[in-house]
């Protein structure tokens, strides 16, 4: 059914709209820029074996229906449109590891990235990443896992992020960016915003 153009378009429509709205919000806040980052949505039953993903090279602040595609989660087989994002392997690895995960947002948040570089430069290490004497910091940092610096788009990175995501809805990829998961993309974006807000506070406190 997904390979039929009209059926696939109808199936994708509400999720394309959701991805367009969320990616636009993320782009407006500087969590995404240009063509970087990616987003996906697991379709609900009876199509839960399928994910709608952003295509490679898509400008996330200006997503159109042709910038999204359908992929079979277990096999990674393309079902409609594409090619999928070069980070699609990471999305599919997470969906396969976490059947309850409904959405994934991978961003390159400028303050989180700046904070990671600042800590590295000062030799403080990632143990100080978002570690602040604030109640909110404790709450949100507890939801953050970490993956080592690995080349983007590789199976090694996909596996590392999927493993970290089992215990943490957000995963910081060293030297790369943030992967947030949730039941919906709005939930994943909210988590991203909270962590980026903490990064801004920490950077201000370091001046």
N, C-alpha and C. Protein backbone atom coordinates (compact mmCIF):
# COMPACT_ATOMS: atom_id res chain seq x y z
N UNK A 1 0.83 -1.21 0.00
CA UNK A 1 0.00 0.00 0.00
C UNK A 1 0.86 1.25 0.00
N UNK A 2 1.98 1.23 0.72
CA UNK A 2 2.81 2.42 0.84
C UNK A 2 3.46 2.80 -0.47
N UNK A 3 3.68 1.80 -1.36
CA UNK A 3 4.35 2.09 -2.62
C UNK A 3 3.42 2.78 -3.60
N UNK A 4 2.12 2.70 -3.38
CA UNK A 4 1.18 3.43 -4.21
C UNK A 4 1.25 4.90 -3.84
N UNK A 5 1.49 5.77 -4.82
CA UNK A 5 1.78 7.17 -4.56
C UNK A 5 0.66 7.84 -3.76
N UNK A 6 -0.57 7.70 -4.21
CA UNK A 6 -1.67 8.39 -3.55
C UNK A 6 -1.88 7.87 -2.14
N UNK A 7 -1.84 6.54 -1.96
CA UNK A 7 -2.02 5.97 -0.63
C UNK A 7 -0.92 6.42 0.32
N UNK A 8 0.32 6.44 -0.18
CA UNK A 8 1.45 6.86 0.64
C UNK A 8 1.32 8.32 1.03
N UNK A 9 0.93 9.17 0.09
CA UNK A 9 0.76 10.59 0.39
C UNK A 9 -0.29 10.81 1.46
N UNK A 10 -1.39 10.08 1.36
CA UNK A 10 -2.47 10.22 2.35
C UNK A 10 -2.02 9.71 3.71
N UNK A 11 -1.26 8.63 3.72
CA UNK A 11 -0.78 8.07 4.96
C UNK A 11 0.20 9.01 5.66
N UNK A 12 1.04 9.66 4.88
CA UNK A 12 2.07 10.54 5.42
C UNK A 12 1.55 11.90 5.86
N UNK A 13 0.48 12.35 5.26
CA UNK A 13 0.06 13.76 5.36
C UNK A 13 0.06 14.32 6.79
N UNK A 14 -0.61 13.69 7.76
CA UNK A 14 -0.63 14.31 9.10
C UNK A 14 0.74 14.35 9.76
N UNK A 15 1.62 13.42 9.44
CA UNK A 15 2.93 13.36 10.07
C UNK A 15 3.90 14.32 9.40
N UNK A 16 3.72 14.53 8.12
CA UNK A 16 4.49 15.55 7.43
C UNK A 16 4.16 16.92 8.00
N UNK A 17 2.90 17.16 8.26
CA UNK A 17 2.47 18.44 8.85
C UNK A 17 3.08 18.61 10.24
N UNK A 18 3.07 17.54 11.03
CA UNK A 18 3.66 17.60 12.37
C UNK A 18 5.16 17.88 12.29
N UNK A 19 5.85 17.18 11.39
CA UNK A 19 7.29 17.39 11.26
C UNK A 19 7.60 18.80 10.76
N UNK A 20 6.78 19.30 9.85
CA UNK A 20 7.00 20.66 9.34
C UNK A 20 6.86 21.69 10.45
N UNK A 21 5.84 21.55 11.29
CA UNK A 21 5.61 22.50 12.37
C UNK A 21 6.74 22.44 13.40
N UNK A 22 7.12 21.24 13.81
CA UNK A 22 8.14 21.09 14.85
C UNK A 22 9.51 21.52 14.33
N UNK A 23 9.84 21.13 13.11
CA UNK A 23 11.14 21.52 12.55
C UNK A 23 11.21 23.03 12.35
N UNK A 24 10.11 23.63 11.99
CA UNK A 24 10.08 25.09 11.85
C UNK A 24 10.32 25.76 13.20
N UNK A 25 9.68 25.24 14.25
CA UNK A 25 9.90 25.78 15.60
C UNK A 25 11.36 25.63 16.01
N UNK A 26 11.92 24.45 15.75
CA UNK A 26 13.32 24.20 16.11
C UNK A 26 14.25 25.12 15.33
N UNK A 27 13.97 25.31 14.05
CA UNK A 27 14.79 26.18 13.20
C UNK A 27 14.71 27.62 13.70
N UNK A 28 13.51 28.08 14.06
CA UNK A 28 13.33 29.45 14.55
C UNK A 28 14.14 29.70 15.82
N UNK A 29 14.29 28.69 16.65
CA UNK A 29 15.02 28.83 17.91
C UNK A 29 16.52 28.59 17.76
N UNK A 30 16.98 28.30 16.56
CA UNK A 30 18.40 28.06 16.36
C UNK A 30 18.84 26.67 16.77
N UNK A 31 17.90 25.76 16.92
CA UNK A 31 18.24 24.38 17.24
C UNK A 31 18.63 23.61 15.97
N UNK A 32 18.21 24.13 14.85
CA UNK A 32 18.54 23.60 13.53
C UNK A 32 18.93 24.77 12.64
N UNK A 33 19.74 24.51 11.65
CA UNK A 33 20.04 25.54 10.65
C UNK A 33 20.36 24.86 9.33
N UNK A 34 20.03 25.58 8.23
CA UNK A 34 20.32 25.01 6.92
C UNK A 34 19.69 23.65 6.76
N UNK A 35 20.51 22.69 6.35
CA UNK A 35 20.02 21.33 6.11
C UNK A 35 20.40 20.36 7.23
N UNK A 36 20.97 20.86 8.33
CA UNK A 36 21.41 19.92 9.36
C UNK A 36 20.25 19.41 10.20
N UNK A 37 20.50 18.34 10.94
CA UNK A 37 19.49 17.73 11.78
C UNK A 37 18.51 16.90 10.97
N UNK A 38 17.63 16.21 11.69
CA UNK A 38 16.62 15.37 11.05
C UNK A 38 15.53 15.03 12.04
N UNK A 39 14.40 14.57 11.54
CA UNK A 39 13.26 14.25 12.38
C UNK A 39 12.53 13.04 11.82
N UNK A 40 11.83 12.34 12.70
CA UNK A 40 11.05 11.19 12.24
C UNK A 40 9.87 10.96 13.17
N UNK A 41 8.93 10.20 12.65
CA UNK A 41 7.71 9.88 13.40
C UNK A 41 7.32 8.44 13.10
N UNK A 42 7.19 7.62 14.15
CA UNK A 42 6.67 6.27 13.95
C UNK A 42 5.17 6.39 13.70
N UNK A 43 4.66 5.73 12.67
CA UNK A 43 3.24 5.78 12.39
C UNK A 43 2.49 4.94 13.42
N UNK A 44 1.27 5.33 13.76
CA UNK A 44 0.49 4.55 14.74
C UNK A 44 -0.06 3.27 14.11
N UNK A 45 -0.56 2.38 14.96
CA UNK A 45 -1.18 1.14 14.50
C UNK A 45 -2.31 1.47 13.52
N UNK A 46 -2.46 0.70 12.47
CA UNK A 46 -1.82 -0.58 12.17
C UNK A 46 -0.53 -0.45 11.35
N UNK A 47 0.08 0.73 11.32
CA UNK A 47 1.28 0.96 10.50
C UNK A 47 2.50 1.23 11.37
N UNK A 48 2.54 0.67 12.59
CA UNK A 48 3.63 0.97 13.51
C UNK A 48 4.98 0.42 13.07
N UNK A 49 5.00 -0.39 12.03
CA UNK A 49 6.26 -0.90 11.49
C UNK A 49 6.90 0.06 10.50
N UNK A 50 6.29 1.23 10.33
CA UNK A 50 6.74 2.22 9.34
C UNK A 50 7.06 3.54 10.02
N UNK A 51 8.12 4.20 9.57
CA UNK A 51 8.47 5.54 10.07
C UNK A 51 8.45 6.54 8.92
N UNK A 52 8.03 7.74 9.24
CA UNK A 52 8.11 8.87 8.31
C UNK A 52 9.33 9.69 8.72
N UNK A 53 10.28 9.86 7.79
CA UNK A 53 11.54 10.55 8.08
C UNK A 53 11.74 11.72 7.14
N UNK A 54 12.53 12.68 7.59
CA UNK A 54 12.96 13.74 6.69
C UNK A 54 13.99 13.17 5.71
N UNK A 55 13.98 13.71 4.50
CA UNK A 55 14.91 13.25 3.47
C UNK A 55 16.27 13.91 3.63
N UNK A 56 17.28 13.32 3.06
CA UNK A 56 18.61 13.89 3.10
C UNK A 56 18.63 15.23 2.37
N UNK A 57 19.33 16.19 2.94
CA UNK A 57 19.47 17.50 2.30
C UNK A 57 18.28 18.42 2.44
N UNK A 58 17.27 18.03 3.21
CA UNK A 58 16.07 18.87 3.36
C UNK A 58 16.34 20.04 4.30
N UNK A 59 15.89 21.22 3.91
CA UNK A 59 15.98 22.40 4.77
C UNK A 59 14.87 22.31 5.80
N UNK A 60 15.22 22.09 7.05
CA UNK A 60 14.20 21.79 8.07
C UNK A 60 13.30 22.97 8.39
N UNK A 61 13.73 24.17 8.11
CA UNK A 61 12.87 25.32 8.36
C UNK A 61 11.85 25.54 7.27
N UNK A 62 11.96 24.77 6.18
CA UNK A 62 11.05 24.95 5.04
C UNK A 62 10.66 23.59 4.47
N UNK A 63 10.27 22.67 5.33
CA UNK A 63 9.92 21.32 4.88
C UNK A 63 8.68 21.33 4.00
N UNK A 64 8.72 20.52 2.97
CA UNK A 64 7.57 20.30 2.09
C UNK A 64 7.31 18.80 2.04
N UNK A 65 6.13 18.36 1.58
CA UNK A 65 5.83 16.93 1.54
C UNK A 65 6.89 16.10 0.82
N UNK A 66 7.49 16.65 -0.23
CA UNK A 66 8.51 15.90 -0.97
C UNK A 66 9.83 15.76 -0.20
N UNK A 67 9.93 16.45 0.94
CA UNK A 67 11.13 16.35 1.77
C UNK A 67 11.01 15.27 2.84
N UNK A 68 9.94 14.47 2.77
CA UNK A 68 9.71 13.41 3.73
C UNK A 68 9.50 12.08 3.01
N UNK A 69 9.79 10.99 3.69
CA UNK A 69 9.68 9.68 3.06
C UNK A 69 9.23 8.65 4.08
N UNK A 70 8.84 7.48 3.58
CA UNK A 70 8.42 6.38 4.43
C UNK A 70 9.45 5.26 4.34
N UNK A 71 9.79 4.68 5.50
CA UNK A 71 10.79 3.62 5.58
C UNK A 71 10.27 2.52 6.51
N UNK A 72 10.53 1.27 6.15
CA UNK A 72 10.18 0.15 7.01
C UNK A 72 11.21 0.07 8.13
N UNK A 73 10.74 0.06 9.38
CA UNK A 73 11.64 0.21 10.52
C UNK A 73 12.60 -0.96 10.68
N UNK A 74 12.12 -2.17 10.64
CA UNK A 74 12.99 -3.32 10.92
C UNK A 74 14.02 -3.56 9.83
N UNK A 75 13.60 -3.45 8.57
CA UNK A 75 14.50 -3.78 7.46
C UNK A 75 15.20 -2.57 6.85
N UNK A 76 14.74 -1.36 7.16
CA UNK A 76 15.22 -0.11 6.57
C UNK A 76 14.88 -0.01 5.08
N UNK A 77 13.94 -0.81 4.63
CA UNK A 77 13.55 -0.78 3.22
C UNK A 77 12.78 0.51 2.91
N UNK A 78 13.15 1.23 1.84
CA UNK A 78 12.40 2.43 1.45
C UNK A 78 11.04 2.04 0.92
N UNK A 79 10.01 2.76 1.35
CA UNK A 79 8.65 2.46 0.93
C UNK A 79 8.06 3.54 0.05
N UNK A 80 8.48 4.78 0.28
CA UNK A 80 7.96 5.88 -0.53
C UNK A 80 8.86 7.09 -0.38
N UNK A 81 9.20 7.73 -1.49
CA UNK A 81 10.01 8.94 -1.45
C UNK A 81 11.45 8.65 -1.07
N UNK A 82 12.16 9.71 -0.74
CA UNK A 82 13.54 9.54 -0.31
C UNK A 82 14.53 10.20 -1.27
N UNK A 83 15.82 10.01 -1.06
CA UNK A 83 16.40 9.14 -0.02
C UNK A 83 16.26 9.72 1.38
N UNK A 84 16.17 8.81 2.35
CA UNK A 84 16.03 9.22 3.74
C UNK A 84 17.31 9.89 4.23
N UNK A 85 17.19 10.62 5.31
CA UNK A 85 18.34 11.28 5.94
C UNK A 85 19.50 10.31 6.11
N UNK A 86 20.71 10.84 6.01
CA UNK A 86 21.90 10.01 6.23
C UNK A 86 21.96 9.47 7.66
N UNK A 87 21.17 10.07 8.57
CA UNK A 87 21.11 9.60 9.95
C UNK A 87 19.91 8.66 10.16
N UNK A 88 19.29 8.19 9.09
CA UNK A 88 18.11 7.34 9.25
C UNK A 88 18.42 6.07 10.03
N UNK A 89 19.65 5.56 9.89
CA UNK A 89 20.03 4.36 10.63
C UNK A 89 19.91 4.55 12.13
N UNK A 90 20.23 5.74 12.61
CA UNK A 90 20.11 6.04 14.03
C UNK A 90 18.65 6.03 14.46
N UNK A 91 17.79 6.65 13.67
CA UNK A 91 16.36 6.67 13.97
C UNK A 91 15.81 5.24 14.03
N UNK A 92 16.12 4.44 13.03
CA UNK A 92 15.58 3.09 12.97
C UNK A 92 16.13 2.23 14.10
N UNK A 93 17.40 2.43 14.47
CA UNK A 93 17.98 1.67 15.58
C UNK A 93 17.25 1.99 16.88
N UNK A 94 16.90 3.26 17.08
CA UNK A 94 16.16 3.64 18.28
C UNK A 94 14.76 3.04 18.27
N UNK A 95 14.07 3.14 17.14
CA UNK A 95 12.73 2.57 17.05
C UNK A 95 12.74 1.07 17.29
N UNK A 96 13.73 0.38 16.75
CA UNK A 96 13.82 -1.06 16.96
C UNK A 96 14.12 -1.39 18.43
N UNK A 97 14.93 -0.56 19.09
CA UNK A 97 15.28 -0.80 20.49
C UNK A 97 14.17 -0.38 21.45
N UNK A 98 13.38 0.63 21.05
CA UNK A 98 12.35 1.19 21.93
C UNK A 98 10.99 1.19 21.23
N UNK A 99 10.26 0.10 21.32
CA UNK A 99 8.95 0.04 20.64
C UNK A 99 7.98 1.13 21.09
N UNK A 100 8.19 1.68 22.30
CA UNK A 100 7.29 2.72 22.82
C UNK A 100 7.63 4.10 22.27
N UNK A 101 8.77 4.25 21.61
CA UNK A 101 9.18 5.55 21.08
C UNK A 101 8.35 5.90 19.85
N UNK A 102 7.76 7.10 19.89
CA UNK A 102 6.92 7.52 18.77
C UNK A 102 7.53 8.57 17.87
N UNK A 103 8.59 9.25 18.34
CA UNK A 103 9.15 10.34 17.55
C UNK A 103 10.59 10.61 17.96
N UNK A 104 11.37 11.10 17.01
CA UNK A 104 12.79 11.41 17.25
C UNK A 104 13.13 12.73 16.58
N UNK A 105 13.82 13.59 17.33
CA UNK A 105 14.28 14.87 16.80
C UNK A 105 15.78 14.99 17.06
N UNK A 106 16.56 15.08 16.00
CA UNK A 106 18.01 15.24 16.10
C UNK A 106 18.35 16.67 15.70
N UNK A 107 18.92 17.41 16.65
CA UNK A 107 19.23 18.82 16.42
C UNK A 107 20.70 19.10 16.68
N UNK A 108 21.13 20.31 16.29
CA UNK A 108 22.48 20.80 16.56
C UNK A 108 22.36 22.10 17.36
N UNK A 109 21.93 22.01 18.61
CA UNK A 109 21.65 23.22 19.41
C UNK A 109 22.92 24.02 19.66
N UNK A 110 22.89 25.30 19.31
CA UNK A 110 24.12 26.10 19.34
C UNK A 110 24.67 26.29 20.75
N UNK A 111 23.80 26.44 21.75
CA UNK A 111 24.31 26.66 23.11
C UNK A 111 24.85 25.37 23.72
N UNK A 112 24.20 24.27 23.48
CA UNK A 112 24.72 22.99 23.95
C UNK A 112 26.07 22.69 23.29
N UNK A 113 26.17 22.96 22.01
CA UNK A 113 27.44 22.74 21.31
C UNK A 113 28.52 23.68 21.85
N UNK A 114 28.16 24.95 22.05
CA UNK A 114 29.13 25.91 22.57
C UNK A 114 29.59 25.50 23.97
N UNK A 115 28.66 25.03 24.78
CA UNK A 115 29.02 24.60 26.13
C UNK A 115 29.97 23.41 26.09
N UNK A 116 29.70 22.46 25.23
CA UNK A 116 30.57 21.28 25.14
C UNK A 116 31.98 21.68 24.72
N UNK A 117 32.09 22.63 23.79
CA UNK A 117 33.40 23.10 23.35
C UNK A 117 34.11 23.88 24.45
N UNK A 118 33.34 24.67 25.19
CA UNK A 118 33.92 25.46 26.29
C UNK A 118 34.47 24.54 27.38
N UNK A 119 33.71 23.55 27.74
CA UNK A 119 34.16 22.62 28.78
C UNK A 119 35.39 21.83 28.32
N UNK A 120 35.38 21.44 27.05
CA UNK A 120 36.54 20.72 26.52
C UNK A 120 37.78 21.61 26.53
N UNK A 121 37.60 22.87 26.14
CA UNK A 121 38.72 23.80 26.10
C UNK A 121 39.30 24.03 27.49
N UNK A 122 38.42 24.08 28.48
CA UNK A 122 38.86 24.34 29.85
C UNK A 122 39.23 23.06 30.60
N UNK A 123 39.15 21.94 29.92
CA UNK A 123 39.55 20.67 30.50
C UNK A 123 38.66 20.18 31.62
N UNK A 124 37.39 20.58 31.61
CA UNK A 124 36.48 20.20 32.69
C UNK A 124 35.79 18.86 32.44
N UNK A 125 35.68 18.46 31.18
CA UNK A 125 35.07 17.17 30.88
C UNK A 125 33.56 17.22 30.90
N UNK A 126 32.95 16.18 30.33
CA UNK A 126 31.50 16.14 30.20
C UNK A 126 30.79 15.89 31.53
N UNK A 127 31.53 15.52 32.58
CA UNK A 127 30.87 15.34 33.87
C UNK A 127 30.30 16.66 34.40
N UNK A 128 30.79 17.79 33.86
CA UNK A 128 30.27 19.10 34.27
C UNK A 128 29.21 19.62 33.32
N UNK A 129 28.86 18.86 32.30
CA UNK A 129 27.89 19.27 31.29
C UNK A 129 26.50 19.38 31.92
N UNK A 130 25.96 20.60 31.95
CA UNK A 130 24.64 20.91 32.51
C UNK A 130 24.55 20.60 34.00
N UNK A 131 25.68 20.55 34.68
CA UNK A 131 25.66 20.32 36.12
C UNK A 131 25.57 21.68 36.83
N UNK A 132 24.37 22.02 37.30
CA UNK A 132 24.10 23.31 37.92
C UNK A 132 23.36 23.11 39.24
N UNK A 133 23.55 24.02 40.19
CA UNK A 133 22.85 23.91 41.48
C UNK A 133 21.41 24.41 41.36
N UNK A 134 20.66 23.81 40.46
CA UNK A 134 19.27 24.20 40.21
C UNK A 134 18.41 22.94 40.20
N UNK A 135 17.21 23.04 40.77
CA UNK A 135 16.30 21.90 40.75
C UNK A 135 16.02 21.46 39.32
N UNK A 136 15.76 22.42 38.44
CA UNK A 136 15.45 22.10 37.06
C UNK A 136 16.60 21.37 36.38
N UNK A 137 17.81 21.76 36.72
CA UNK A 137 18.97 21.12 36.11
C UNK A 137 19.04 19.65 36.50
N UNK A 138 18.76 19.35 37.76
CA UNK A 138 18.78 17.97 38.21
C UNK A 138 17.71 17.14 37.50
N UNK A 139 16.53 17.74 37.33
CA UNK A 139 15.42 17.03 36.69
C UNK A 139 15.73 16.70 35.23
N UNK A 140 16.18 17.71 34.50
CA UNK A 140 16.38 17.51 33.06
C UNK A 140 17.68 16.80 32.75
N UNK A 141 18.73 17.05 33.53
CA UNK A 141 19.99 16.36 33.26
C UNK A 141 19.86 14.86 33.48
N UNK A 142 18.97 14.46 34.39
CA UNK A 142 18.75 13.04 34.64
C UNK A 142 18.17 12.33 33.42
N UNK A 143 17.61 13.10 32.51
CA UNK A 143 17.03 12.51 31.30
C UNK A 143 18.02 12.46 30.14
N UNK A 144 19.25 12.90 30.40
CA UNK A 144 20.24 13.00 29.34
C UNK A 144 21.28 11.89 29.45
N UNK A 145 21.45 11.15 28.36
CA UNK A 145 22.50 10.16 28.25
C UNK A 145 23.58 10.66 27.32
N UNK A 146 24.65 9.90 27.18
CA UNK A 146 25.78 10.34 26.38
C UNK A 146 26.25 9.22 25.45
N UNK A 147 26.66 9.63 24.26
CA UNK A 147 27.26 8.71 23.29
C UNK A 147 28.62 9.28 22.91
N UNK A 148 29.60 8.43 22.68
CA UNK A 148 30.96 8.92 22.36
C UNK A 148 31.02 9.57 20.99
N UNK A 149 32.13 10.26 20.74
CA UNK A 149 32.35 10.90 19.44
C UNK A 149 32.56 9.82 18.38
N UNK A 150 31.60 9.68 17.50
CA UNK A 150 31.66 8.71 16.41
C UNK A 150 31.20 9.38 15.12
N UNK A 151 31.68 8.94 13.97
CA UNK A 151 31.30 9.60 12.72
C UNK A 151 29.80 9.57 12.47
N UNK A 152 29.20 10.70 12.08
CA UNK A 152 27.77 10.74 11.78
C UNK A 152 27.41 9.76 10.65
N UNK A 153 26.23 9.20 10.76
CA UNK A 153 25.73 8.32 9.73
C UNK A 153 26.24 6.90 9.78
N UNK A 154 27.04 6.57 10.79
CA UNK A 154 27.62 5.23 10.87
C UNK A 154 26.78 4.31 11.76
N UNK A 155 26.95 3.01 11.54
CA UNK A 155 26.25 2.03 12.36
C UNK A 155 26.72 2.09 13.81
N UNK A 156 27.99 2.41 14.01
CA UNK A 156 28.52 2.50 15.38
C UNK A 156 27.82 3.61 16.15
N UNK A 157 27.63 4.76 15.52
CA UNK A 157 26.93 5.85 16.21
C UNK A 157 25.48 5.46 16.45
N UNK A 158 24.83 4.88 15.45
CA UNK A 158 23.43 4.47 15.59
C UNK A 158 23.26 3.51 16.76
N UNK A 159 24.14 2.53 16.88
CA UNK A 159 24.04 1.55 17.96
C UNK A 159 24.30 2.20 19.32
N UNK A 160 25.29 3.11 19.38
CA UNK A 160 25.62 3.77 20.65
C UNK A 160 24.47 4.64 21.14
N UNK A 161 23.85 5.38 20.23
CA UNK A 161 22.72 6.24 20.61
C UNK A 161 21.52 5.40 21.01
N UNK A 162 21.26 4.33 20.27
CA UNK A 162 20.12 3.46 20.60
C UNK A 162 20.29 2.86 21.99
N UNK A 163 21.50 2.42 22.32
CA UNK A 163 21.75 1.85 23.65
C UNK A 163 21.54 2.90 24.74
N UNK A 164 22.08 4.09 24.53
CA UNK A 164 21.94 5.16 25.52
C UNK A 164 20.49 5.59 25.69
N UNK A 165 19.72 5.51 24.60
CA UNK A 165 18.33 5.96 24.65
C UNK A 165 17.42 5.03 25.44
N UNK A 166 17.89 3.82 25.72
CA UNK A 166 17.07 2.88 26.49
C UNK A 166 16.80 3.41 27.89
N UNK A 167 17.76 4.14 28.44
CA UNK A 167 17.62 4.68 29.80
C UNK A 167 17.43 6.19 29.85
N UNK A 168 17.61 6.85 28.71
CA UNK A 168 17.52 8.31 28.68
C UNK A 168 16.79 8.76 27.42
N UNK A 169 15.75 9.59 27.56
CA UNK A 169 15.02 10.06 26.38
C UNK A 169 15.80 11.03 25.50
N UNK A 170 16.88 11.60 26.04
CA UNK A 170 17.75 12.47 25.23
C UNK A 170 19.17 11.94 25.30
N UNK A 171 19.89 12.01 24.19
CA UNK A 171 21.26 11.53 24.14
C UNK A 171 22.13 12.61 23.50
N UNK A 172 23.19 13.00 24.22
CA UNK A 172 24.16 13.95 23.67
C UNK A 172 25.24 13.16 22.94
N UNK A 173 25.41 13.48 21.65
CA UNK A 173 26.42 12.83 20.82
C UNK A 173 27.65 13.74 20.79
N UNK A 174 28.72 13.31 21.42
CA UNK A 174 29.92 14.14 21.54
C UNK A 174 30.39 14.60 20.17
N UNK A 175 30.66 15.92 20.09
CA UNK A 175 31.14 16.49 18.85
C UNK A 175 30.12 16.53 17.74
N UNK A 176 28.85 16.39 18.08
CA UNK A 176 27.84 16.26 17.02
C UNK A 176 26.57 17.03 17.35
N UNK A 177 25.78 16.55 18.31
CA UNK A 177 24.52 17.22 18.60
C UNK A 177 23.66 16.40 19.54
N UNK A 178 22.37 16.67 19.53
CA UNK A 178 21.43 16.08 20.49
C UNK A 178 20.37 15.27 19.76
N UNK A 179 20.05 14.11 20.32
CA UNK A 179 18.97 13.27 19.82
C UNK A 179 17.94 13.14 20.93
N UNK A 180 16.73 13.68 20.71
CA UNK A 180 15.67 13.62 21.72
C UNK A 180 14.54 12.74 21.21
N UNK A 181 13.98 11.95 22.12
CA UNK A 181 12.89 11.05 21.76
C UNK A 181 11.66 11.36 22.60
N UNK A 182 10.52 10.88 22.14
CA UNK A 182 9.29 11.09 22.87
C UNK A 182 8.13 10.40 22.20
N UNK A 183 6.96 10.52 22.80
CA UNK A 183 5.75 9.96 22.20
C UNK A 183 5.38 10.73 20.94
N UNK A 184 5.68 12.03 20.95
CA UNK A 184 5.42 12.90 19.80
C UNK A 184 6.64 13.79 19.57
N UNK A 185 6.68 14.42 18.42
CA UNK A 185 7.76 15.36 18.15
C UNK A 185 7.68 16.58 19.05
N UNK A 186 6.48 16.98 19.44
CA UNK A 186 6.34 18.11 20.36
C UNK A 186 7.00 17.79 21.69
N UNK A 187 6.86 16.55 22.16
CA UNK A 187 7.50 16.12 23.41
C UNK A 187 9.02 16.12 23.26
N UNK A 188 9.51 15.63 22.12
CA UNK A 188 10.95 15.61 21.87
C UNK A 188 11.52 17.03 21.78
N UNK A 189 10.76 17.94 21.16
CA UNK A 189 11.22 19.32 21.06
C UNK A 189 11.25 19.98 22.43
N UNK A 190 10.25 19.73 23.26
CA UNK A 190 10.22 20.30 24.61
C UNK A 190 11.45 19.89 25.40
N UNK A 191 11.82 18.63 25.31
CA UNK A 191 13.02 18.14 26.00
C UNK A 191 14.26 18.85 25.48
N UNK A 192 14.34 19.01 24.18
CA UNK A 192 15.47 19.72 23.57
C UNK A 192 15.55 21.15 24.06
N UNK A 193 14.41 21.83 24.11
CA UNK A 193 14.37 23.22 24.56
C UNK A 193 14.83 23.36 26.01
N UNK A 194 14.40 22.43 26.86
CA UNK A 194 14.78 22.49 28.28
C UNK A 194 16.30 22.34 28.44
N UNK A 195 16.89 21.42 27.71
CA UNK A 195 18.34 21.20 27.81
C UNK A 195 19.11 22.38 27.23
N UNK A 196 18.62 22.95 26.13
CA UNK A 196 19.27 24.12 25.55
C UNK A 196 19.18 25.32 26.49
N UNK A 197 18.06 25.45 27.19
CA UNK A 197 17.89 26.54 28.16
C UNK A 197 18.91 26.42 29.29
N UNK A 198 19.11 25.20 29.78
CA UNK A 198 20.10 24.99 30.83
C UNK A 198 21.52 25.32 30.34
N UNK A 199 21.79 24.97 29.08
CA UNK A 199 23.11 25.29 28.51
C UNK A 199 23.33 26.79 28.48
N UNK A 200 22.28 27.54 28.15
CA UNK A 200 22.39 29.01 28.13
C UNK A 200 22.69 29.54 29.53
N UNK A 201 22.04 29.00 30.54
CA UNK A 201 22.29 29.43 31.92
C UNK A 201 23.72 29.11 32.33
N UNK A 202 24.19 27.92 32.00
CA UNK A 202 25.53 27.54 32.39
C UNK A 202 26.58 28.42 31.70
N UNK A 203 26.36 28.72 30.43
CA UNK A 203 27.31 29.59 29.72
C UNK A 203 27.33 30.98 30.34
N UNK A 204 26.16 31.51 30.71
CA UNK A 204 26.09 32.82 31.36
C UNK A 204 26.81 32.81 32.71
N UNK A 205 26.69 31.74 33.43
CA UNK A 205 27.30 31.65 34.76
C UNK A 205 28.82 31.50 34.68
N UNK A 206 29.34 31.14 33.52
CA UNK A 206 30.78 30.93 33.36
C UNK A 206 31.50 32.21 32.96
N UNK A 207 30.76 33.27 32.71
CA UNK A 207 31.39 34.53 32.28
C UNK A 207 32.10 35.21 33.44
